[in-house]
Amino acid sequence: MRQIRLTGKERPLRHLGRCMAFLSLSRIYTFATKDKLNTTAGSFALLGSVVPRDAGVVAKLRNAGAIILGKASLTGWSNFRSLGATQGWSARGGQGKNPYVLSATPCGSSSGSAISVVANMVTVSLGTQTNGSILCPASFNAVVGIKPTVGLTSRAGVIPVSPRQDSVGPICRTVSDVVFVLDAIAGFDYNDLEATREASKYIPPGGYAQFLKVDGLKGKRSGIIREPFFSFVDEAVLPVFEQHFQTLR
């Protein structure tokens, strides 16, 4: 409610296309927020640390009318705490679970971001990706994630792994929702100067929502690279995959 009062009025998110009363947002512990929410990467080592400002993407979302509900868990230190770390586990957040199959992996490292969306706790969440950390949890939890080109969205205020690979992107339930959120967070940020300055040159006038089409896949062909990509898949998974692939066909 404090955030609502600070905005001055209860406003629709006109910048995010679909007229939702408010944007529900969860962000993994790596996003800085200038409030009482801790920014820890899932570790007790950073508990109580003070950040100078909101992360660049958080500031853009607030400007678009977003209401910040909380921070989601993640695989500790963006899955770089240990090469053998359990997906979805962090010291502060404990074990995140796949809402569809509690014994299955939620993947990571943006585990809680995907979990919170599929569990209908939030409408929108953000994740970061260095090496699959948006796309993998989105896939394993049956939601939609976009990994933007490096620099299309600001990394300022995000606990880093690699400046050459890190990217911030949305995770939502639908393609249209992630596109509307991408439009809100993409663009130049002085605090991530070099990367966002270069990438912002290629943002199409009018944004990305203009390319949403209900029949966008009509007439398109899909292919499966079976070897060696699927050579490591558990045999119990393959029949289910084939069933869904036939449905798509």
C-alpha atoms as a PDB file:
ATOM      1  CA  MET A   1       0.000   0.000   0.000  1.00  0.00           C
ATOM      2  CA  ARG A   2       2.903   2.339   0.665  1.00  0.00           C
ATOM      3  CA  GLN A   3       4.007   1.932  -2.943  1.00  0.00           C
ATOM      4  CA  ILE A   4       0.501   2.752  -4.117  1.00  0.00           C
ATOM      5  CA  ARG A   5       0.473   5.916  -2.034  1.00  0.00           C
ATOM      6  CA  LEU A   6       3.864   6.939  -3.406  1.00  0.00           C
ATOM      7  CA  THR A   7       2.583   6.688  -6.977  1.00  0.00           C
ATOM      8  CA  GLY A   8      -0.111   9.198  -6.041  1.00  0.00           C
ATOM      9  CA  LYS A   9      -2.989   7.178  -7.469  1.00  0.00           C
ATOM     10  CA  GLU A  10      -4.000   3.687  -8.439  1.00  0.00           C
ATOM     11  CA  ARG A  11      -3.038   3.752 -12.090  1.00  0.00           C
ATOM     12  CA  PRO A  12      -3.271   1.077 -14.765  1.00  0.00           C
ATOM     13  CA  LEU A  13      -0.054  -0.077 -16.366  1.00  0.00           C
ATOM     14  CA  ARG A  14      -0.667   1.659 -19.659  1.00  0.00           C
ATOM     15  CA  HIS A  15       2.957   1.135 -20.696  1.00  0.00           C
ATOM     16  CA  LEU A  16       2.584  -2.633 -20.336  1.00  0.00           C
ATOM     17  CA  GLY A  17      -0.224  -3.010 -22.831  1.00  0.00           C
ATOM     18  CA  ARG A  18      -2.755  -5.231 -21.105  1.00  0.00           C
ATOM     19  CA  CYS A  19      -4.743  -3.177 -18.588  1.00  0.00           C
ATOM     20  CA  MET A  20      -3.870  -4.900 -15.334  1.00  0.00           C
ATOM     21  CA  ALA A  21      -4.664  -2.924 -12.197  1.00  0.00           C
ATOM     22  CA  PHE A  22      -1.148  -3.486 -10.914  1.00  0.00           C
ATOM     23  CA  LEU A  23       1.874  -5.458 -11.922  1.00  0.00           C
ATOM     24  CA  SER A  24       2.761  -8.173  -9.455  1.00  0.00           C
ATOM     25  CA  LEU A  25       6.496  -8.543  -9.480  1.00  0.00           C
ATOM     26  CA  SER A  26       8.949 -10.915  -7.910  1.00  0.00           C
ATOM     27  CA  ARG A  27      12.630 -10.557  -8.439  1.00  0.00           C
ATOM     28  CA  ILE A  28      15.376 -12.898  -7.463  1.00  0.00           C
ATOM     29  CA  TYR A  29      17.593 -11.799  -4.605  1.00  0.00           C
ATOM     30  CA  THR A  30      20.186 -10.398  -7.022  1.00  0.00           C
ATOM     31  CA  PHE A  31      18.176  -7.245  -7.895  1.00  0.00           C
ATOM     32  CA  ALA A  32      18.834  -4.165  -5.774  1.00  0.00           C
ATOM     33  CA  THR A  33      15.841  -2.277  -4.400  1.00  0.00           C
ATOM     34  CA  LYS A  34      16.052   0.878  -2.331  1.00  0.00           C
ATOM     35  CA  ASP A  35      13.645  -0.418   0.305  1.00  0.00           C
ATOM     36  CA  LYS A  36      13.674  -2.943   3.144  1.00  0.00           C
ATOM     37  CA  LEU A  37      14.001  -5.968   0.838  1.00  0.00           C
ATOM     38  CA  ASN A  38      17.436  -7.559   1.153  1.00  0.00           C
ATOM     39  CA  THR A  39      19.681  -8.059  -1.878  1.00  0.00           C
ATOM     40  CA  THR A  40      21.706 -11.171  -1.060  1.00  0.00           C
ATOM     41  CA  ALA A  41      22.014 -13.578  -4.024  1.00  0.00           C
ATOM     42  CA  GLY A  42      20.541 -16.114  -1.606  1.00  0.00           C
ATOM     43  CA  SER A  43      23.466 -15.839   0.815  1.00  0.00           C
ATOM     44  CA  PHE A  44      23.599 -14.766   4.462  1.00  0.00           C
ATOM     45  CA  ALA A  45      26.902 -13.036   3.653  1.00  0.00           C
ATOM     46  CA  LEU A  46      25.062 -10.060   2.117  1.00  0.00           C
ATOM     47  CA  LEU A  47      22.175  -9.915   4.577  1.00  0.00           C
ATOM     48  CA  GLY A  48      21.655  -6.301   5.636  1.00  0.00           C
ATOM     49  CA  SER A  49      23.808  -4.855   2.865  1.00  0.00           C
ATOM     50  CA  VAL A  50      22.837  -1.343   1.760  1.00  0.00           C
ATOM     51  CA  VAL A  51      22.337  -0.531  -1.929  1.00  0.00           C
ATOM     52  CA  PRO A  52      22.556   3.032  -3.328  1.00  0.00           C
ATOM     53  CA  ARG A  53      19.486   2.848  -5.563  1.00  0.00           C
ATOM     54  CA  ASP A  54      16.957   0.631  -7.304  1.00  0.00           C
ATOM     55  CA  ALA A  55      18.353  -1.579 -10.050  1.00  0.00           C
ATOM     56  CA  GLY A  56      17.880   0.006 -13.474  1.00  0.00           C
ATOM     57  CA  VAL A  57      15.127  -2.393 -14.550  1.00  0.00           C
ATOM     58  CA  VAL A  58      13.330  -1.995 -11.214  1.00  0.00           C
ATOM     59  CA  ALA A  59      13.312   1.791 -11.629  1.00  0.00           C
ATOM     60  CA  LYS A  60      11.829   1.415 -15.114  1.00  0.00           C
ATOM     61  CA  LEU A  61       9.109  -0.906 -13.829  1.00  0.00           C
ATOM     62  CA  ARG A  62       8.220   1.414 -10.977  1.00  0.00           C
ATOM     63  CA  ASN A  63       7.983   4.246 -13.503  1.00  0.00           C
ATOM     64  CA  ALA A  64       5.564   2.109 -15.522  1.00  0.00           C
ATOM     65  CA  GLY A  65       3.390   1.656 -12.433  1.00  0.00           C
ATOM     66  CA  ALA A  66       4.662  -1.644 -11.070  1.00  0.00           C
ATOM     67  CA  ILE A  67       3.967  -2.618  -7.477  1.00  0.00           C
ATOM     68  CA  ILE A  68       6.849  -4.611  -5.999  1.00  0.00           C
ATOM     69  CA  LEU A  69       5.515  -7.553  -3.996  1.00  0.00           C
ATOM     70  CA  GLY A  70       8.768  -9.183  -2.966  1.00  0.00           C
ATOM     71  CA  LYS A  71      11.912 -11.001  -3.981  1.00  0.00           C
ATOM     72  CA  ALA A  72      11.910 -14.606  -5.070  1.00  0.00           C
ATOM     73  CA  SER A  73      14.483 -17.237  -4.199  1.00  0.00           C
ATOM     74  CA  LEU A  74      17.130 -18.543  -6.570  1.00  0.00           C
ATOM     75  CA  THR A  75      19.874 -21.102  -6.881  1.00  0.00           C
ATOM     76  CA  GLY A  76      22.481 -19.588  -4.560  1.00  0.00           C
ATOM     77  CA  TRP A  77      24.897 -17.083  -6.074  1.00  0.00           C
ATOM     78  CA  SER A  78      23.228 -17.547  -9.468  1.00  0.00           C
ATOM     79  CA  ASN A  79      24.337 -21.196  -9.520  1.00  0.00           C
ATOM     80  CA  PHE A  80      28.008 -20.251  -9.175  1.00  0.00           C
ATOM     81  CA  ARG A  81      28.267 -21.160  -5.503  1.00  0.00           C
ATOM     82  CA  SER A  82      29.116 -24.713  -6.534  1.00  0.00           C
ATOM     83  CA  LEU A  83      29.081 -26.651  -9.780  1.00  0.00           C
ATOM     84  CA  GLY A  84      27.261 -29.434  -7.954  1.00  0.00           C
ATOM     85  CA  ALA A  85      24.665 -27.257  -6.208  1.00  0.00           C
ATOM     86  CA  THR A  86      21.058 -28.427  -6.091  1.00  0.00           C
ATOM     87  CA  GLN A  87      18.900 -26.433  -8.500  1.00  0.00           C
ATOM     88  CA  GLY A  88      16.587 -24.036  -6.686  1.00  0.00           C
ATOM     89  CA  TRP A  89      18.415 -24.121  -3.343  1.00  0.00           C
ATOM     90  CA  SER A  90      19.953 -21.180  -1.520  1.00  0.00           C
ATOM     91  CA  ALA A  91      20.989 -20.666   2.083  1.00  0.00           C
ATOM     92  CA  ARG A  92      18.431 -17.910   2.653  1.00  0.00           C
ATOM     93  CA  GLY A  93      15.578 -19.252   0.566  1.00  0.00           C
ATOM     94  CA  GLY A  94      15.886 -22.972   1.172  1.00  0.00           C
ATOM     95  CA  GLN A  95      14.747 -25.380  -1.522  1.00  0.00           C
ATOM     96  CA  GLY A  96      12.461 -24.038  -4.232  1.00  0.00           C
ATOM     97  CA  LYS A  97      10.136 -26.681  -5.666  1.00  0.00           C
ATOM     98  CA  ASN A  98       8.547 -27.196  -9.044  1.00  0.00           C
ATOM     99  CA  PRO A  99       4.819 -26.487  -8.465  1.00  0.00           C
ATOM    100  CA  TYR A 100       3.738 -29.137 -10.974  1.00  0.00           C
ATOM    101  CA  VAL A 101       5.907 -31.961  -9.628  1.00  0.00           C
ATOM    102  CA  LEU A 102       7.282 -31.202  -6.177  1.00  0.00           C
ATOM    103  CA  SER A 103       9.998 -33.842  -6.492  1.00  0.00           C
ATOM    104  CA  ALA A 104      11.167 -32.504  -9.869  1.00  0.00           C
ATOM    105  CA  THR A 105      13.853 -29.889 -10.367  1.00  0.00           C
ATOM    106  CA  PRO A 106      12.692 -26.291 -10.896  1.00  0.00           C
ATOM    107  CA  CYS A 107      15.985 -25.623 -12.705  1.00  0.00           C
ATOM    108  CA  GLY A 108      17.840 -22.372 -12.126  1.00  0.00           C
ATOM    109  CA  SER A 109      19.255 -20.129 -11.342  1.00  0.00           C
ATOM    110  CA  SER A 110      16.165 -17.896 -11.530  1.00  0.00           C
ATOM    111  CA  SER A 111      14.198 -20.706  -9.904  1.00  0.00           C
ATOM    112  CA  GLY A 112      11.894 -18.690  -7.664  1.00  0.00           C
ATOM    113  CA  SER A 113      11.101 -16.241 -10.443  1.00  0.00           C
ATOM    114  CA  ALA A 114       9.527 -19.013 -12.517  1.00  0.00           C
ATOM    115  CA  ILE A 115       7.998 -20.800  -9.511  1.00  0.00           C
ATOM    116  CA  SER A 116       6.215 -17.653  -8.316  1.00  0.00           C
ATOM    117  CA  VAL A 117       4.623 -17.117 -11.727  1.00  0.00           C
ATOM    118  CA  VAL A 118       3.421 -20.675 -12.295  1.00  0.00           C
ATOM    119  CA  ALA A 119       2.065 -20.814  -8.734  1.00  0.00           C
ATOM    120  CA  ASN A 120       0.026 -17.656  -9.468  1.00  0.00           C
ATOM    121  CA  MET A 121       1.744 -15.749  -6.687  1.00  0.00           C
ATOM    122  CA  VAL A 122       2.645 -12.965  -9.127  1.00  0.00           C
ATOM    123  CA  THR A 123       1.838 -11.871 -12.656  1.00  0.00           C
ATOM    124  CA  VAL A 124       5.374 -10.978 -13.652  1.00  0.00           C
ATOM    125  CA  SER A 125       8.840 -11.775 -12.405  1.00  0.00           C
ATOM    126  CA  LEU A 126      12.333 -10.938 -13.545  1.00  0.00           C
ATOM    127  CA  GLY A 127      15.324 -13.215 -13.805  1.00  0.00           C
ATOM    128  CA  THR A 128      18.927 -12.924 -14.854  1.00  0.00           C
ATOM    129  CA  GLN A 129      20.752 -15.180 -17.268  1.00  0.00           C
ATOM    130  CA  THR A 130      24.431 -15.836 -17.741  1.00  0.00           C
ATOM    131  CA  ASN A 131      24.127 -19.388 -19.012  1.00  0.00           C
ATOM    132  CA  GLY A 132      20.499 -20.527 -19.171  1.00  0.00           C
ATOM    133  CA  SER A 133      19.193 -19.083 -15.902  1.00  0.00           C
ATOM    134  CA  ILE A 134      16.016 -17.597 -17.411  1.00  0.00           C
ATOM    135  CA  LEU A 135      15.218 -20.090 -20.143  1.00  0.00           C
ATOM    136  CA  CYS A 136      15.823 -23.259 -18.120  1.00  0.00           C
ATOM    137  CA  PRO A 137      13.501 -22.482 -15.169  1.00  0.00           C
ATOM    138  CA  ALA A 138      10.907 -21.057 -17.572  1.00  0.00           C
ATOM    139  CA  SER A 139      11.004 -24.308 -19.528  1.00  0.00           C
ATOM    140  CA  PHE A 140      10.952 -26.631 -16.515  1.00  0.00           C
ATOM    141  CA  ASN A 141       8.031 -24.755 -14.915  1.00  0.00           C
ATOM    142  CA  ALA A 142       6.004 -24.335 -18.128  1.00  0.00           C
ATOM    143  CA  VAL A 143       6.053 -20.541 -18.293  1.00  0.00           C
ATOM    144  CA  VAL A 144       7.532 -18.070 -20.788  1.00  0.00           C
ATOM    145  CA  GLY A 145      10.915 -16.403 -20.412  1.00  0.00           C
ATOM    146  CA  ILE A 146      12.876 -14.033 -22.629  1.00  0.00           C
ATOM    147  CA  LYS A 147      16.653 -13.781 -22.479  1.00  0.00           C
ATOM    148  CA  PRO A 148      17.375 -10.400 -24.111  1.00  0.00           C
ATOM    149  CA  THR A 149      20.538  -9.577 -26.013  1.00  0.00           C
ATOM    150  CA  VAL A 150      23.218  -8.344 -23.608  1.00  0.00           C
ATOM    151  CA  GLY A 151      22.688  -4.619 -23.073  1.00  0.00           C
ATOM    152  CA  LEU A 152      19.089  -4.495 -24.241  1.00  0.00           C
ATOM    153  CA  THR A 153      18.124  -4.337 -20.559  1.00  0.00           C
ATOM    154  CA  SER A 154      20.216  -2.717 -17.846  1.00  0.00           C
ATOM    155  CA  ARG A 155      22.312  -4.849 -15.478  1.00  0.00           C
ATOM    156  CA  ALA A 156      22.970  -1.882 -13.156  1.00  0.00           C
ATOM    157  CA  GLY A 157      22.146  -2.799  -9.581  1.00  0.00           C
ATOM    158  CA  VAL A 158      22.167  -6.538 -10.301  1.00  0.00           C
ATOM    159  CA  ILE A 159      24.711  -8.766  -8.554  1.00  0.00           C
ATOM    160  CA  PRO A 160      26.932  -9.740 -11.509  1.00  0.00           C
ATOM    161  CA  VAL A 161      28.489 -12.919 -12.827  1.00  0.00           C
ATOM    162  CA  SER A 162      29.849 -11.901 -16.234  1.00  0.00           C
ATOM    163  CA  PRO A 163      29.534  -8.455 -17.875  1.00  0.00           C
ATOM    164  CA  ARG A 164      29.866 -10.114 -21.273  1.00  0.00           C
ATOM    165  CA  GLN A 165      26.996 -12.562 -20.737  1.00  0.00           C
ATOM    166  CA  ASP A 166      24.660 -11.278 -18.008  1.00  0.00           C
ATOM    167  CA  SER A 167      21.196 -10.242 -19.144  1.00  0.00           C
ATOM    168  CA  VAL A 168      17.954  -9.365 -17.340  1.00  0.00           C
ATOM    169  CA  GLY A 169      14.649 -10.617 -18.720  1.00  0.00           C
ATOM    170  CA  PRO A 170      10.993 -11.184 -17.813  1.00  0.00           C
ATOM    171  CA  ILE A 171       9.254 -14.438 -16.895  1.00  0.00           C
ATOM    172  CA  CYS A 172       5.447 -14.530 -17.296  1.00  0.00           C
ATOM    173  CA  ARG A 173       2.651 -16.948 -18.137  1.00  0.00           C
ATOM    174  CA  THR A 174       2.148 -15.758 -21.731  1.00  0.00           C
ATOM    175  CA  VAL A 175       4.218 -14.544 -24.657  1.00  0.00           C
ATOM    176  CA  SER A 176       2.287 -11.278 -24.812  1.00  0.00           C
ATOM    177  CA  ASP A 177       2.967 -10.506 -21.143  1.00  0.00           C
ATOM    178  CA  VAL A 178       6.727 -10.986 -21.452  1.00  0.00           C
ATOM    179  CA  VAL A 179       6.786  -8.754 -24.520  1.00  0.00           C
ATOM    180  CA  PHE A 180       4.908  -5.955 -22.739  1.00  0.00           C
ATOM    181  CA  VAL A 181       7.316  -6.181 -19.806  1.00  0.00           C
ATOM    182  CA  LEU A 182      10.326  -6.244 -22.136  1.00  0.00           C
ATOM    183  CA  ASP A 183       9.089  -3.007 -23.688  1.00  0.00           C
ATOM    184  CA  ALA A 184       8.953  -1.479 -20.204  1.00  0.00           C
ATOM    185  CA  ILE A 185      12.463  -2.483 -19.101  1.00  0.00           C
ATOM    186  CA  ALA A 186      14.455  -2.242 -22.344  1.00  0.00           C
ATOM    187  CA  GLY A 187      16.510   0.806 -23.150  1.00  0.00           C
ATOM    188  CA  PHE A 188      19.337   3.087 -22.132  1.00  0.00           C
ATOM    189  CA  ASP A 189      20.550   3.345 -18.547  1.00  0.00           C
ATOM    190  CA  TYR A 190      23.379   5.684 -17.602  1.00  0.00           C
ATOM    191  CA  ASN A 191      24.493   3.259 -14.872  1.00  0.00           C
ATOM    192  CA  ASP A 192      25.040   0.522 -17.475  1.00  0.00           C
ATOM    193  CA  LEU A 193      26.293   3.029 -19.990  1.00  0.00           C
ATOM    194  CA  GLU A 194      28.299   1.195 -22.628  1.00  0.00           C
ATOM    195  CA  ALA A 195      26.144  -1.897 -23.056  1.00  0.00           C
ATOM    196  CA  THR A 196      22.731  -0.207 -23.027  1.00  0.00           C
ATOM    197  CA  ARG A 197      23.893   2.652 -25.240  1.00  0.00           C
ATOM    198  CA  GLU A 198      24.924   0.239 -27.975  1.00  0.00           C
ATOM    199  CA  ALA A 199      21.968  -2.129 -27.694  1.00  0.00           C
ATOM    200  CA  SER A 200      19.337   0.617 -27.485  1.00  0.00           C
ATOM    201  CA  LYS A 201      20.192   1.636 -31.056  1.00  0.00           C
ATOM    202  CA  TYR A 202      18.477  -1.524 -32.282  1.00  0.00           C
ATOM    203  CA  ILE A 203      15.191  -1.238 -30.368  1.00  0.00           C
ATOM    204  CA  PRO A 204      12.504  -0.910 -33.069  1.00  0.00           C
ATOM    205  CA  PRO A 205      10.493   2.329 -33.053  1.00  0.00           C
ATOM    206  CA  GLY A 206       7.265   1.596 -31.229  1.00  0.00           C
ATOM    207  CA  GLY A 207       8.748  -1.293 -29.261  1.00  0.00           C
ATOM    208  CA  TYR A 208       8.245  -5.038 -29.552  1.00  0.00           C
ATOM    209  CA  ALA A 209       4.524  -5.414 -28.784  1.00  0.00           C
ATOM    210  CA  GLN A 210       3.683  -4.368 -32.347  1.00  0.00           C
ATOM    211  CA  PHE A 211       5.049  -7.706 -33.553  1.00  0.00           C
ATOM    212  CA  LEU A 212       2.638  -9.824 -31.496  1.00  0.00           C
ATOM    213  CA  LYS A 213       0.355 -11.797 -33.816  1.00  0.00           C
ATOM    214  CA  VAL A 214      -2.220 -14.422 -32.889  1.00  0.00           C
ATOM    215  CA  ASP A 215      -1.363 -16.415 -36.019  1.00  0.00           C
ATOM    216  CA  GLY A 216       2.372 -15.757 -35.781  1.00  0.00           C
ATOM    217  CA  LEU A 217       3.245 -19.461 -35.986  1.00  0.00           C
ATOM    218  CA  LYS A 218       0.902 -20.241 -38.859  1.00  0.00           C
ATOM    219  CA  GLY A 219       2.802 -21.887 -41.698  1.00  0.00           C
ATOM    220  CA  LYS A 220       6.004 -22.179 -39.674  1.00  0.00           C
ATOM    221  CA  ARG A 221       8.033 -25.384 -39.457  1.00  0.00           C
ATOM    222  CA  SER A 222       9.565 -26.731 -36.258  1.00  0.00           C
ATOM    223  CA  GLY A 223      12.466 -29.127 -36.102  1.00  0.00           C
ATOM    224  CA  ILE A 224      14.066 -31.256 -33.409  1.00  0.00           C
ATOM    225  CA  ILE A 225      17.823 -31.806 -33.263  1.00  0.00           C
ATOM    226  CA  ARG A 226      17.806 -35.341 -31.904  1.00  0.00           C
ATOM    227  CA  GLU A 227      21.526 -36.108 -31.953  1.00  0.00           C
ATOM    228  CA  PRO A 228      23.426 -35.309 -29.880  1.00  0.00           C
ATOM    229  CA  PHE A 229      21.037 -32.859 -28.179  1.00  0.00           C
ATOM    230  CA  PHE A 230      18.569 -35.479 -26.937  1.00  0.00           C
ATOM    231  CA  SER A 231      21.072 -38.286 -26.466  1.00  0.00           C
ATOM    232  CA  PHE A 232      21.331 -37.541 -22.723  1.00  0.00           C
ATOM    233  CA  VAL A 233      17.576 -37.371 -22.023  1.00  0.00           C
ATOM    234  CA  ASP A 234      16.178 -39.931 -19.584  1.00  0.00           C
ATOM    235  CA  GLU A 235      14.373 -42.692 -21.488  1.00  0.00           C
ATOM    236  CA  ALA A 236      11.299 -42.171 -19.314  1.00  0.00           C
ATOM    237  CA  VAL A 237      11.039 -38.598 -20.597  1.00  0.00           C
ATOM    238  CA  LEU A 238      11.202 -39.376 -24.317  1.00  0.00           C
ATOM    239  CA  PRO A 239       7.677 -40.870 -24.741  1.00  0.00           C
ATOM    240  CA  VAL A 240       6.136 -37.831 -23.060  1.00  0.00           C
ATOM    241  CA  PHE A 241       8.206 -35.505 -25.224  1.00  0.00           C
ATOM    242  CA  GLU A 242       7.151 -37.343 -28.385  1.00  0.00           C
ATOM    243  CA  GLN A 243       3.508 -37.125 -27.344  1.00  0.00           C
ATOM    244  CA  HIS A 244       3.680 -33.370 -26.917  1.00  0.00           C
ATOM    245  CA  PHE A 245       5.670 -32.952 -30.110  1.00  0.00           C
ATOM    246  CA  GLN A 246       2.955 -34.795 -32.037  1.00  0.00           C
ATOM    247  CA  THR A 247       0.364 -32.489 -30.467  1.00  0.00           C
ATOM    248  CA  LEU A 248       2.300 -29.488 -31.747  1.00  0.00           C
ATOM    249  CA  ARG A 249       2.383 -31.006 -35.226  1.00  0.00           C
END
